Amino acid sequence: MNSRTLFSEVNERTSRRLRVARQAFTSAEALAAAGMTDADRVSAIVGFDFAAETVIRAVLFDAARYLDAKVDPKVQGFRPMLEAAAEAFRSDSLATDVPGRPGLEHVRNIRNAAQHEARIPTLVEVHESRIYTKDAATEAVRLAWGVDFLAADIQAVRSAIVRGYLNSAVASEDAGDLAGAMGWLHAAFEHGLTHGGENLVGPPIKADVLALAEPGRVDARGILADLQTSFRRLQVLGRLTAFGINVPTYLHWQRIFAGAPPLNFNGELSRYDGERDWPKQEVDRAMAYVIDAVLRMEQVVDDVDPGGFRHGGFDKL
């Protein structure tokens, strides 16, 4: 990789901007992969476009701060913004234009048609937009700061337990154990949703609801199981809603995680013969989804570990 970059380091504010762009891209990518409605396709396009513009604005803010060239990071208009960023890249002879500019302009045109003309983008346009945005943002971030735009931002997660699971996933992926990586990612997500959810709405309902099911009846045990299943599903839906996690996307990943090796009581993965083969690209998408989901959880509750604190008055619900 070219060692020359436009800026010498990623400052805290830039890191936050890139994190927002990465999360927006990840959310849009999830919508693009989950079997979308018309509204989901529009939302995915808007998300890809927002992610790209956030990256370009981050370049302009750092250019205004660190480079001699006069740059207005708040310049109005999409094409003037791209031209200002192109000037920044040209100033150090790193590139003659914004990386992937034609693709970014194509994505903006699709977004404008959806937003201002009520035109629903096609599936092909959504997936093209994902590729254009990913390629442009990845190259722009590499040239500007020398970092990987889509690199797993594990350190942004506060929970040491979740970080441990995520680091185990990275180690498994590096060792070529993609099934193990998916198992650790599933464990990380379930830990956050379970314990973060309990810190939000309380522990699972443990009341003896068998009395509600007329315990003398022969089918009482089956009715009890149905009641417990209903309560569990209501709690899961409540948690997802409170955390701002898209339900169809959650179900999409639950179907995928169903084939991953589970976490046992010893904190290790239970391995078995005939495990599913996972494409590396799918593992990388799962990593991005899990980190994004846990960061959302940690915005709502102070802690996603057992016994954490309730946040924002949700304990009064």
Protein backbone atom coordinates (compact mmCIF):
# COMPACT_ATOMS: atom_id res chain seq x y z
CA MET A 1 0.00 0.00 0.00
CA ASN A 2 1.22 3.49 -0.76
CA SER A 3 2.72 4.87 2.48
CA ARG A 4 1.89 8.46 1.51
CA THR A 5 -1.39 9.78 2.81
CA LEU A 6 -3.08 13.16 2.81
CA PHE A 7 -3.14 13.36 6.61
CA SER A 8 -0.72 11.94 9.16
CA GLU A 9 -3.30 10.62 11.63
CA VAL A 10 -6.99 10.13 12.34
CA ASN A 11 -8.02 12.57 15.06
CA GLU A 12 -10.87 11.84 17.46
CA ARG A 13 -13.46 13.89 15.60
CA THR A 14 -12.54 12.33 12.26
CA SER A 15 -12.66 8.87 13.81
CA ARG A 16 -16.19 9.60 14.96
CA ARG A 17 -17.22 10.83 11.50
CA LEU A 18 -15.79 7.71 9.87
CA ARG A 19 -17.55 5.54 12.43
CA VAL A 20 -20.87 7.21 11.59
CA ALA A 21 -20.21 6.66 7.88
CA ARG A 22 -19.30 3.02 8.51
CA GLN A 23 -22.44 2.42 10.56
CA ALA A 24 -24.60 4.08 7.90
CA PHE A 25 -23.01 1.90 5.23
CA THR A 26 -23.46 -1.23 7.36
CA SER A 27 -27.13 -0.45 8.00
CA ALA A 28 -27.75 0.20 4.31
CA GLU A 29 -25.90 -2.98 3.38
CA ALA A 30 -28.09 -4.96 5.78
CA LEU A 31 -31.21 -3.57 4.11
CA ALA A 32 -29.72 -4.50 0.73
CA ALA A 33 -29.19 -8.10 1.85
CA ALA A 34 -32.34 -8.89 3.81
CA GLY A 35 -34.97 -9.18 1.07
CA MET A 36 -36.32 -5.66 0.97
CA THR A 37 -39.58 -3.84 0.61
CA ASP A 38 -39.79 -0.79 -1.65
CA ALA A 39 -39.26 1.44 1.38
CA ASP A 40 -36.19 -0.58 2.38
CA ARG A 41 -34.68 -0.08 -1.07
CA VAL A 42 -35.14 3.68 -0.81
CA SER A 43 -33.67 3.67 2.70
CA ALA A 44 -30.68 1.62 1.52
CA ILE A 45 -29.94 4.10 -1.28
CA VAL A 46 -30.19 7.05 1.10
CA GLY A 47 -27.90 5.25 3.54
CA PHE A 48 -25.23 4.54 0.92
CA ASP A 49 -25.35 8.14 -0.29
CA PHE A 50 -25.12 9.49 3.27
CA ALA A 51 -22.15 7.23 4.05
CA ALA A 52 -20.28 8.44 0.97
CA GLU A 53 -20.96 12.12 1.66
CA THR A 54 -19.90 11.74 5.30
CA VAL A 55 -16.54 10.33 4.19
CA ILE A 56 -16.02 13.17 1.70
CA ARG A 57 -17.00 15.78 4.31
CA ALA A 58 -14.51 14.22 6.74
CA VAL A 59 -11.79 14.69 4.11
CA LEU A 60 -12.79 18.35 3.67
CA PHE A 61 -12.86 19.10 7.41
CA ASP A 62 -9.34 17.70 7.83
CA ALA A 63 -8.17 19.47 4.66
CA ALA A 64 -9.43 22.78 6.06
CA ARG A 65 -7.61 22.10 9.31
CA TYR A 66 -4.29 20.66 8.16
CA LEU A 67 -3.66 21.73 4.55
CA ASP A 68 -2.60 25.14 3.28
CA ALA A 69 -5.25 25.12 0.56
CA LYS A 70 -8.41 27.07 1.31
CA VAL A 71 -11.19 24.53 1.61
CA ASP A 72 -14.75 25.08 2.77
CA PRO A 73 -15.85 21.80 4.41
CA LYS A 74 -19.46 23.01 4.42
CA VAL A 75 -19.53 23.88 0.72
CA GLN A 76 -23.08 23.62 -0.62
CA GLY A 77 -23.99 21.20 -3.39
CA PHE A 78 -22.87 17.67 -4.16
CA ARG A 79 -20.68 18.37 -7.18
CA PRO A 80 -18.98 21.43 -5.59
CA MET A 81 -18.25 19.20 -2.58
CA LEU A 82 -16.67 16.55 -4.82
CA GLU A 83 -14.61 19.18 -6.63
CA ALA A 84 -13.34 20.62 -3.34
CA ALA A 85 -12.31 17.13 -2.22
CA ALA A 86 -10.65 16.51 -5.58
CA GLU A 87 -8.57 19.66 -5.09
CA ALA A 88 -7.47 18.35 -1.71
CA PHE A 89 -6.32 15.04 -3.21
CA ARG A 90 -4.59 16.85 -6.09
CA SER A 91 -2.74 19.15 -3.69
CA ASP A 92 -0.52 16.27 -2.61
CA SER A 93 -0.58 14.50 -5.99
CA LEU A 94 -2.28 11.48 -4.45
CA ALA A 95 -5.08 11.36 -7.02
CA THR A 96 -6.42 13.40 -9.91
CA ASP A 97 -10.00 13.21 -8.63
CA VAL A 98 -12.15 11.84 -5.84
CA PRO A 99 -11.88 8.03 -5.97
CA GLY A 100 -14.89 6.47 -7.64
CA ARG A 101 -16.45 9.82 -8.52
CA PRO A 102 -18.62 8.56 -11.43
CA GLY A 103 -20.07 5.88 -9.18
CA LEU A 104 -20.80 8.37 -6.40
CA GLU A 105 -22.56 10.66 -8.86
CA HIS A 106 -24.60 7.69 -10.08
CA VAL A 107 -25.65 6.86 -6.50
CA ARG A 108 -26.62 10.50 -5.91
CA ASN A 109 -28.76 10.49 -9.08
CA ILE A 110 -30.57 7.36 -7.90
CA ARG A 111 -31.11 8.90 -4.47
CA ASN A 112 -32.44 12.15 -5.96
CA ALA A 113 -34.88 10.24 -8.17
CA ALA A 114 -36.11 8.28 -5.15
CA GLN A 115 -36.33 11.25 -2.83
CA HIS A 116 -37.66 13.93 -5.17
CA GLU A 117 -39.47 11.95 -7.88
CA ALA A 118 -40.89 9.06 -5.81
CA ARG A 119 -39.04 6.60 -8.06
CA ILE A 120 -38.37 3.25 -6.39
CA PRO A 121 -34.82 2.00 -7.09
CA THR A 122 -34.45 -1.49 -8.50
CA LEU A 123 -32.59 -4.29 -6.76
CA VAL A 124 -29.82 -3.95 -9.33
CA GLU A 125 -29.48 -0.23 -8.58
CA VAL A 126 -29.31 -0.94 -4.85
CA HIS A 127 -26.53 -3.48 -5.23
CA GLU A 128 -24.66 -1.27 -7.70
CA SER A 129 -24.88 1.57 -5.18
CA ARG A 130 -23.45 -0.67 -2.47
CA ILE A 131 -20.45 -1.54 -4.62
CA TYR A 132 -19.85 2.03 -5.80
CA THR A 133 -20.06 3.39 -2.24
CA LYS A 134 -17.88 0.70 -0.74
CA ASP A 135 -15.15 1.06 -3.37
CA ALA A 136 -15.12 4.87 -3.30
CA ALA A 137 -15.21 5.19 0.49
CA THR A 138 -12.56 2.51 1.00
CA GLU A 139 -10.13 4.15 -1.45
CA ALA A 140 -10.80 7.71 -0.23
CA VAL A 141 -10.17 6.72 3.39
CA ARG A 142 -7.02 4.82 2.42
CA LEU A 143 -5.61 7.79 0.50
CA ALA A 144 -6.58 10.31 3.16
CA TRP A 145 -5.59 8.52 6.36
CA GLY A 146 -4.07 5.18 5.42
CA VAL A 147 -6.69 3.13 7.29
CA ASP A 148 -9.33 0.59 6.26
CA PHE A 149 -12.80 2.15 6.09
CA LEU A 150 -14.52 -1.18 6.78
CA ALA A 151 -12.10 -2.46 9.43
CA ALA A 152 -13.85 -3.88 12.49
CA ASP A 153 -14.05 -1.09 15.08
CA ILE A 154 -13.91 -3.45 18.04
CA GLN A 155 -12.42 -0.93 20.46
CA ALA A 156 -15.51 1.28 20.08
CA VAL A 157 -17.48 -1.38 22.01
CA ARG A 158 -17.46 -0.71 25.77
CA SER A 159 -18.26 -4.22 26.97
CA ALA A 160 -15.06 -6.16 27.67
CA ILE A 161 -16.96 -9.44 27.33
CA VAL A 162 -18.32 -8.55 23.90
CA ARG A 163 -14.88 -7.29 22.82
CA GLY A 164 -13.46 -10.64 23.90
CA TYR A 165 -15.96 -12.51 21.73
CA LEU A 166 -15.25 -10.19 18.79
CA ASN A 167 -11.48 -10.63 19.16
CA SER A 168 -12.01 -14.40 19.23
CA ALA A 169 -13.98 -14.05 16.01
CA VAL A 170 -11.12 -12.12 14.40
CA ALA A 171 -8.60 -14.75 15.56
CA SER A 172 -10.79 -17.55 14.18
CA GLU A 173 -11.18 -15.75 10.86
CA ASP A 174 -7.43 -15.13 10.62
CA ALA A 175 -6.87 -18.85 11.23
CA GLY A 176 -9.29 -19.74 8.44
CA ASP A 177 -11.93 -21.03 10.88
CA LEU A 178 -14.89 -19.13 9.45
CA ALA A 179 -17.50 -21.30 11.19
CA GLY A 180 -15.82 -20.51 14.51
CA ALA A 181 -15.81 -16.81 13.64
CA MET A 182 -19.56 -16.90 13.04
CA GLY A 183 -20.06 -18.72 16.34
CA TRP A 184 -18.19 -16.03 18.28
CA LEU A 185 -20.08 -13.27 16.45
CA HIS A 186 -23.39 -14.90 17.30
CA ALA A 187 -22.29 -15.15 20.94
CA ALA A 188 -21.35 -11.45 20.95
CA PHE A 189 -24.73 -10.40 19.58
CA GLU A 190 -26.75 -12.64 21.90
CA HIS A 191 -24.76 -11.45 24.93
CA GLY A 192 -25.53 -7.82 24.14
CA LEU A 193 -29.20 -8.42 23.33
CA THR A 194 -29.80 -10.67 26.35
CA HIS A 195 -28.01 -8.77 29.11
CA GLY A 196 -28.46 -5.32 27.60
CA GLY A 197 -32.14 -6.15 27.24
CA GLU A 198 -32.39 -7.31 30.86
CA ASN A 199 -30.73 -4.09 32.00
CA LEU A 200 -33.35 -2.25 29.95
CA VAL A 201 -36.62 -4.07 30.66
CA GLY A 202 -35.75 -6.50 33.44
CA PRO A 203 -34.95 -10.23 33.54
CA PRO A 204 -36.98 -12.89 31.71
CA ILE A 205 -40.43 -13.48 33.14
CA LYS A 206 -40.06 -16.24 35.73
CA ALA A 207 -43.53 -16.12 37.27
CA ASP A 208 -45.33 -19.44 37.43
CA VAL A 209 -47.86 -18.83 34.68
CA LEU A 210 -48.95 -22.46 34.82
CA ALA A 211 -51.84 -21.36 37.04
CA LEU A 212 -53.11 -19.26 34.17
CA ALA A 213 -53.28 -22.40 32.07
CA GLU A 214 -55.54 -24.42 34.39
CA PRO A 215 -52.90 -26.80 35.79
CA GLY A 216 -55.38 -29.65 36.12
CA ARG A 217 -55.74 -30.00 32.36
CA VAL A 218 -53.70 -32.60 30.51
CA ASP A 219 -52.55 -30.02 27.95
CA ALA A 220 -51.42 -27.54 30.63
CA ARG A 221 -47.71 -28.11 29.98
CA GLY A 222 -48.09 -27.36 26.28
CA ILE A 223 -50.13 -24.24 27.02
CA LEU A 224 -47.44 -23.12 29.47
CA ALA A 225 -44.80 -23.54 26.77
CA ASP A 226 -46.88 -21.45 24.36
CA LEU A 227 -47.29 -18.70 26.97
CA GLN A 228 -43.58 -18.65 27.72
CA THR A 229 -42.79 -18.49 24.01
CA SER A 230 -45.17 -15.56 23.58
CA PHE A 231 -43.62 -13.70 26.52
CA ARG A 232 -40.12 -14.35 25.17
CA ARG A 233 -41.03 -13.06 21.71
CA LEU A 234 -42.64 -9.95 23.18
CA GLN A 235 -39.47 -9.26 25.17
CA VAL A 236 -37.26 -9.74 22.12
CA LEU A 237 -39.42 -7.42 20.01
CA GLY A 238 -39.43 -4.85 22.82
CA ARG A 239 -35.65 -4.95 23.05
CA LEU A 240 -35.15 -4.65 19.31
CA THR A 241 -37.53 -1.69 19.16
CA ALA A 242 -35.88 0.09 22.09
CA PHE A 243 -32.40 -0.48 20.67
CA GLY A 244 -33.43 0.69 17.19
CA ILE A 245 -32.51 -2.62 15.57
CA ASN A 246 -34.38 -3.40 12.35
CA VAL A 247 -36.55 -6.49 12.93
CA PRO A 248 -36.42 -8.00 9.38
CA THR A 249 -32.64 -7.53 9.38
CA TYR A 250 -32.44 -9.18 12.80
CA LEU A 251 -34.44 -12.16 11.50
CA HIS A 252 -32.17 -12.34 8.44
CA TRP A 253 -29.09 -12.67 10.63
CA GLN A 254 -30.80 -15.08 13.04
CA ARG A 255 -31.40 -17.41 10.09
CA ILE A 256 -27.71 -17.15 9.19
CA PHE A 257 -26.44 -17.55 12.77
CA ALA A 258 -28.61 -20.66 13.19
CA GLY A 259 -25.89 -22.70 11.50
CA ALA A 260 -23.05 -21.34 13.63
CA PRO A 261 -21.52 -23.39 16.49
CA PRO A 262 -23.14 -22.35 19.79
CA LEU A 263 -21.45 -21.06 22.94
CA ASN A 264 -21.44 -23.61 25.79
CA PHE A 265 -21.50 -23.11 29.58
CA ASN A 266 -17.69 -23.05 29.69
CA GLY A 267 -17.55 -20.01 27.41
CA GLU A 268 -16.24 -22.04 24.47
CA LEU A 269 -17.80 -22.99 21.15
CA SER A 270 -19.37 -26.43 20.83
CA ARG A 271 -17.88 -27.80 17.63
CA TYR A 272 -19.31 -30.63 15.55
CA ASP A 273 -18.61 -32.51 12.33
CA GLY A 274 -20.15 -31.27 9.11
CA GLU A 275 -20.19 -27.59 10.05
CA ARG A 276 -21.36 -25.21 7.38
CA ASP A 277 -18.79 -23.50 5.15
CA TRP A 278 -19.03 -19.70 5.50
CA PRO A 279 -17.88 -17.28 2.79
CA LYS A 280 -15.37 -14.81 4.21
CA GLN A 281 -17.43 -11.94 2.83
CA GLU A 282 -20.42 -13.08 4.88
CA VAL A 283 -18.29 -13.30 8.04
CA ASP A 284 -17.05 -9.75 7.45
CA ARG A 285 -20.63 -8.50 7.00
CA ALA A 286 -21.65 -10.31 10.17
CA MET A 287 -18.80 -8.65 12.08
CA ALA A 288 -19.95 -5.22 10.90
CA TYR A 289 -23.59 -6.00 11.77
CA VAL A 290 -22.80 -7.23 15.29
CA ILE A 291 -20.57 -4.26 16.13
CA ASP A 292 -23.19 -1.83 14.81
CA ALA A 293 -25.92 -3.58 16.85
CA VAL A 294 -23.92 -3.58 20.09
CA LEU A 295 -22.99 0.08 19.66
CA ARG A 296 -26.71 0.83 19.31
CA MET A 297 -27.39 -1.12 22.51
CA GLU A 298 -24.69 0.76 24.39
CA GLN A 299 -26.28 4.04 23.36
CA VAL A 300 -29.45 3.02 25.20
CA VAL A 301 -28.09 1.22 28.29
CA ASP A 302 -24.87 2.00 30.12
CA ASP A 303 -23.80 -1.63 30.07
CA VAL A 304 -24.62 -4.74 28.06
CA ASP A 305 -23.03 -7.06 30.64
CA PRO A 306 -24.91 -8.77 33.50
CA GLY A 307 -26.01 -6.39 36.25
CA GLY A 308 -25.48 -3.24 34.21
CA PHE A 309 -27.11 0.08 34.90
CA ARG A 310 -30.35 1.22 33.35
CA HIS A 311 -29.99 4.35 31.28
CA GLY A 312 -32.16 7.33 30.48
CA GLY A 313 -35.01 6.52 32.84
CA PHE A 314 -35.99 3.29 31.08
CA ASP A 315 -36.11 1.64 34.52
CA LYS A 316 -39.32 3.64 35.04
CA LEU A 317 -41.08 1.87 32.17
